[in-house]
Each structure stands twice: as C-alpha cells, then as structure tokens.
Amino acid sequence: MRCVDVTCYFRHLQRIFEKAGIEVTEANKREIDRVIHEIVGVKYKDCPSTWKELKKRVALDEESFVLELREKWSKHF
C-alpha cells in the first residue's frame, strides 16, 4: 500500500515537527517523509505501516523520537 500524498500522516505531527525545529515545506516534505520512514524502520512509501509504527514510538517516548528526528534531519544539511 502506498501513500498518494507524502503528507498522509503529517497533519498529525505538527507538534512533533515544531519540537524538532523542522519547518515542513513543499520542497522538503518528501525528504522528511524518507527520514521518518528510516527512523521507524519501514520501507519508503508504506505510509500505513509507517504511521502505525510512528504512533507507537511517539506514545512510548515522544521526546526520544523528537531528538532522533532532529538529529537525522540535521544531517541532511
């Protein structure tokens, strides 16, 4: 199953992005999506599985996820 729009679950992550200091734009949202897939260990474009794993990770330890996202995203610059 593939996401038609890479922002399929982004609307639920605004607080996470703010905490990580990431501004989502049209230009960077695909790369952010790839980073999130990598963090949760799901093949790119499998949004339903990514969202499922992401919800678990955030519920378990949101701050740890935010730190990992910030770290991995900063390596892209």
N, C-alpha and C. Protein backbone atom coordinates (compact mmCIF):
# COMPACT_ATOMS: atom_id res chain seq x y z
N MET A 1 0.84 -1.18 0.00
CA MET A 1 0.00 0.00 0.00
C MET A 1 0.88 1.24 0.00
N ARG A 2 0.55 2.18 -0.85
CA ARG A 2 1.37 3.38 -0.98
C ARG A 2 0.56 4.62 -0.66
N CYS A 3 1.26 5.63 -0.20
CA CYS A 3 0.65 6.92 0.06
C CYS A 3 0.49 7.68 -1.25
N VAL A 4 -0.65 8.24 -1.47
CA VAL A 4 -0.84 9.08 -2.64
C VAL A 4 -0.14 10.41 -2.40
N ASP A 5 -0.25 10.92 -1.21
CA ASP A 5 0.36 12.19 -0.83
C ASP A 5 1.32 11.91 0.31
N VAL A 6 2.55 12.38 0.21
CA VAL A 6 3.54 12.07 1.25
C VAL A 6 3.17 12.67 2.60
N THR A 7 2.22 13.55 2.63
CA THR A 7 1.82 14.16 3.90
C THR A 7 0.64 13.43 4.52
N CYS A 8 0.45 12.17 4.17
CA CYS A 8 -0.72 11.43 4.62
C CYS A 8 -0.87 11.44 6.14
N TYR A 9 0.20 11.47 6.89
CA TYR A 9 0.12 11.50 8.35
C TYR A 9 0.76 12.75 8.93
N PHE A 10 1.29 13.63 8.10
CA PHE A 10 1.98 14.83 8.58
C PHE A 10 1.05 15.75 9.38
N ARG A 11 -0.22 15.77 9.03
CA ARG A 11 -1.15 16.67 9.74
C ARG A 11 -1.23 16.34 11.22
N HIS A 12 -0.89 15.11 11.58
CA HIS A 12 -0.91 14.69 12.98
C HIS A 12 0.40 14.99 13.71
N LEU A 13 1.39 15.46 12.98
CA LEU A 13 2.73 15.60 13.55
C LEU A 13 3.20 17.05 13.72
N GLN A 14 2.31 18.00 13.60
CA GLN A 14 2.73 19.39 13.67
C GLN A 14 3.49 19.70 14.96
N ARG A 15 3.01 19.22 16.09
CA ARG A 15 3.69 19.45 17.36
C ARG A 15 5.08 18.80 17.37
N ILE A 16 5.19 17.62 16.80
CA ILE A 16 6.47 16.91 16.72
C ILE A 16 7.45 17.72 15.87
N PHE A 17 7.00 18.20 14.72
CA PHE A 17 7.86 19.00 13.86
C PHE A 17 8.30 20.28 14.56
N GLU A 18 7.38 20.93 15.26
CA GLU A 18 7.72 22.15 15.99
C GLU A 18 8.78 21.87 17.05
N LYS A 19 8.59 20.81 17.81
CA LYS A 19 9.56 20.45 18.85
C LYS A 19 10.93 20.13 18.26
N ALA A 20 10.93 19.52 17.07
CA ALA A 20 12.19 19.15 16.42
C ALA A 20 12.81 20.32 15.67
N GLY A 21 12.07 21.43 15.59
CA GLY A 21 12.58 22.60 14.89
C GLY A 21 12.59 22.43 13.38
N ILE A 22 11.64 21.67 12.87
CA ILE A 22 11.57 21.40 11.44
C ILE A 22 10.38 22.12 10.85
N GLU A 23 10.64 22.94 9.84
CA GLU A 23 9.57 23.59 9.10
C GLU A 23 9.29 22.77 7.85
N VAL A 24 8.09 22.27 7.73
CA VAL A 24 7.71 21.45 6.58
C VAL A 24 7.30 22.37 5.44
N THR A 25 7.94 22.17 4.29
CA THR A 25 7.62 22.94 3.09
C THR A 25 7.37 21.97 1.94
N GLU A 26 6.86 22.51 0.85
CA GLU A 26 6.69 21.69 -0.35
C GLU A 26 8.03 21.12 -0.80
N ALA A 27 9.08 21.90 -0.63
CA ALA A 27 10.40 21.50 -1.10
C ALA A 27 11.04 20.39 -0.26
N ASN A 28 10.69 20.30 1.03
CA ASN A 28 11.39 19.34 1.89
C ASN A 28 10.52 18.19 2.43
N LYS A 29 9.24 18.21 2.17
CA LYS A 29 8.37 17.22 2.82
C LYS A 29 8.67 15.78 2.40
N ARG A 30 9.08 15.55 1.16
CA ARG A 30 9.42 14.18 0.74
C ARG A 30 10.63 13.67 1.50
N GLU A 31 11.62 14.53 1.67
CA GLU A 31 12.83 14.10 2.38
C GLU A 31 12.53 13.88 3.87
N ILE A 32 11.69 14.71 4.46
CA ILE A 32 11.27 14.49 5.85
C ILE A 32 10.56 13.14 5.95
N ASP A 33 9.71 12.85 4.99
CA ASP A 33 8.99 11.58 4.97
C ASP A 33 9.96 10.41 4.90
N ARG A 34 10.99 10.52 4.08
CA ARG A 34 12.00 9.47 3.98
C ARG A 34 12.73 9.27 5.32
N VAL A 35 13.05 10.37 5.98
CA VAL A 35 13.74 10.30 7.28
C VAL A 35 12.85 9.59 8.30
N ILE A 36 11.58 9.92 8.33
CA ILE A 36 10.66 9.29 9.27
C ILE A 36 10.55 7.79 8.98
N HIS A 37 10.42 7.42 7.72
CA HIS A 37 10.37 6.00 7.35
C HIS A 37 11.63 5.29 7.85
N GLU A 38 12.77 5.93 7.66
CA GLU A 38 14.04 5.35 8.11
C GLU A 38 14.06 5.15 9.63
N ILE A 39 13.62 6.16 10.36
CA ILE A 39 13.62 6.09 11.83
C ILE A 39 12.78 4.93 12.33
N VAL A 40 11.60 4.75 11.75
CA VAL A 40 10.71 3.70 12.24
C VAL A 40 10.97 2.35 11.58
N GLY A 41 11.89 2.31 10.62
CA GLY A 41 12.29 1.05 10.02
C GLY A 41 11.29 0.45 9.06
N VAL A 42 10.61 1.32 8.30
CA VAL A 42 9.61 0.86 7.33
C VAL A 42 10.04 1.32 5.94
N LYS A 43 9.87 0.44 4.95
CA LYS A 43 10.22 0.75 3.57
C LYS A 43 9.49 2.02 3.12
N TYR A 44 10.21 2.89 2.40
CA TYR A 44 9.64 4.16 1.95
C TYR A 44 8.39 3.96 1.10
N LYS A 45 7.45 4.79 1.34
CA LYS A 45 6.14 4.86 0.70
C LYS A 45 5.10 3.94 1.32
N ASP A 46 5.45 3.19 2.34
CA ASP A 46 4.46 2.37 3.03
C ASP A 46 3.92 3.19 4.21
N CYS A 47 3.07 4.14 3.87
CA CYS A 47 2.58 5.09 4.88
C CYS A 47 1.74 4.46 5.99
N PRO A 48 0.84 3.53 5.69
CA PRO A 48 0.06 2.94 6.77
C PRO A 48 0.94 2.26 7.83
N SER A 49 1.93 1.52 7.40
CA SER A 49 2.83 0.86 8.36
C SER A 49 3.70 1.88 9.08
N THR A 50 4.11 2.91 8.37
CA THR A 50 4.92 3.96 8.99
C THR A 50 4.11 4.67 10.07
N TRP A 51 2.89 5.04 9.76
CA TRP A 51 2.03 5.73 10.73
C TRP A 51 1.79 4.84 11.95
N LYS A 52 1.58 3.56 11.73
CA LYS A 52 1.36 2.63 12.84
C LYS A 52 2.58 2.59 13.76
N GLU A 53 3.76 2.45 13.19
CA GLU A 53 4.99 2.40 13.99
C GLU A 53 5.29 3.75 14.64
N LEU A 54 5.03 4.81 13.91
CA LEU A 54 5.26 6.15 14.42
C LEU A 54 4.41 6.43 15.65
N LYS A 55 3.14 6.06 15.59
CA LYS A 55 2.26 6.26 16.76
C LYS A 55 2.78 5.51 17.97
N LYS A 56 3.27 4.28 17.77
CA LYS A 56 3.83 3.51 18.88
C LYS A 56 5.04 4.21 19.47
N ARG A 57 5.96 4.64 18.60
CA ARG A 57 7.19 5.29 19.06
C ARG A 57 6.90 6.56 19.83
N VAL A 58 6.00 7.38 19.33
CA VAL A 58 5.66 8.64 19.97
C VAL A 58 4.96 8.39 21.30
N ALA A 59 4.08 7.42 21.35
CA ALA A 59 3.37 7.10 22.61
C ALA A 59 4.35 6.57 23.66
N LEU A 60 5.32 5.80 23.22
CA LEU A 60 6.30 5.23 24.13
C LEU A 60 7.25 6.27 24.68
N ASP A 61 7.78 7.13 23.81
CA ASP A 61 8.74 8.14 24.24
C ASP A 61 8.84 9.25 23.20
N GLU A 62 7.95 10.20 23.30
CA GLU A 62 7.88 11.28 22.32
C GLU A 62 9.17 12.07 22.25
N GLU A 63 9.74 12.40 23.39
CA GLU A 63 10.95 13.22 23.40
C GLU A 63 12.11 12.52 22.70
N SER A 64 12.23 11.23 22.91
CA SER A 64 13.28 10.47 22.25
C SER A 64 13.09 10.49 20.74
N PHE A 65 11.85 10.34 20.29
CA PHE A 65 11.58 10.39 18.85
C PHE A 65 11.91 11.77 18.30
N VAL A 66 11.52 12.82 19.01
CA VAL A 66 11.81 14.19 18.56
C VAL A 66 13.32 14.39 18.43
N LEU A 67 14.07 13.94 19.41
CA LEU A 67 15.53 14.08 19.35
C LEU A 67 16.13 13.33 18.17
N GLU A 68 15.65 12.11 17.93
CA GLU A 68 16.16 11.33 16.81
C GLU A 68 15.80 11.98 15.48
N LEU A 69 14.59 12.49 15.36
CA LEU A 69 14.17 13.16 14.14
C LEU A 69 15.03 14.40 13.91
N ARG A 70 15.23 15.20 14.95
CA ARG A 70 16.04 16.42 14.84
C ARG A 70 17.46 16.07 14.40
N GLU A 71 18.03 15.04 15.01
CA GLU A 71 19.40 14.63 14.69
C GLU A 71 19.52 14.15 13.24
N LYS A 72 18.64 13.26 12.84
CA LYS A 72 18.71 12.72 11.48
C LYS A 72 18.42 13.80 10.44
N TRP A 73 17.48 14.69 10.74
CA TRP A 73 17.16 15.76 9.81
C TRP A 73 18.34 16.72 9.66
N SER A 74 19.01 17.01 10.77
CA SER A 74 20.13 17.96 10.71
C SER A 74 21.28 17.42 9.87
N LYS A 75 21.40 16.11 9.72
CA LYS A 75 22.45 15.51 8.90
C LYS A 75 22.21 15.72 7.41
N HIS A 76 21.02 16.15 7.04
CA HIS A 76 20.69 16.39 5.64
C HIS A 76 21.17 17.75 5.15
N PHE A 77 21.72 18.54 6.05
CA PHE A 77 22.16 19.89 5.67
C PHE A 77 23.64 20.01 5.65
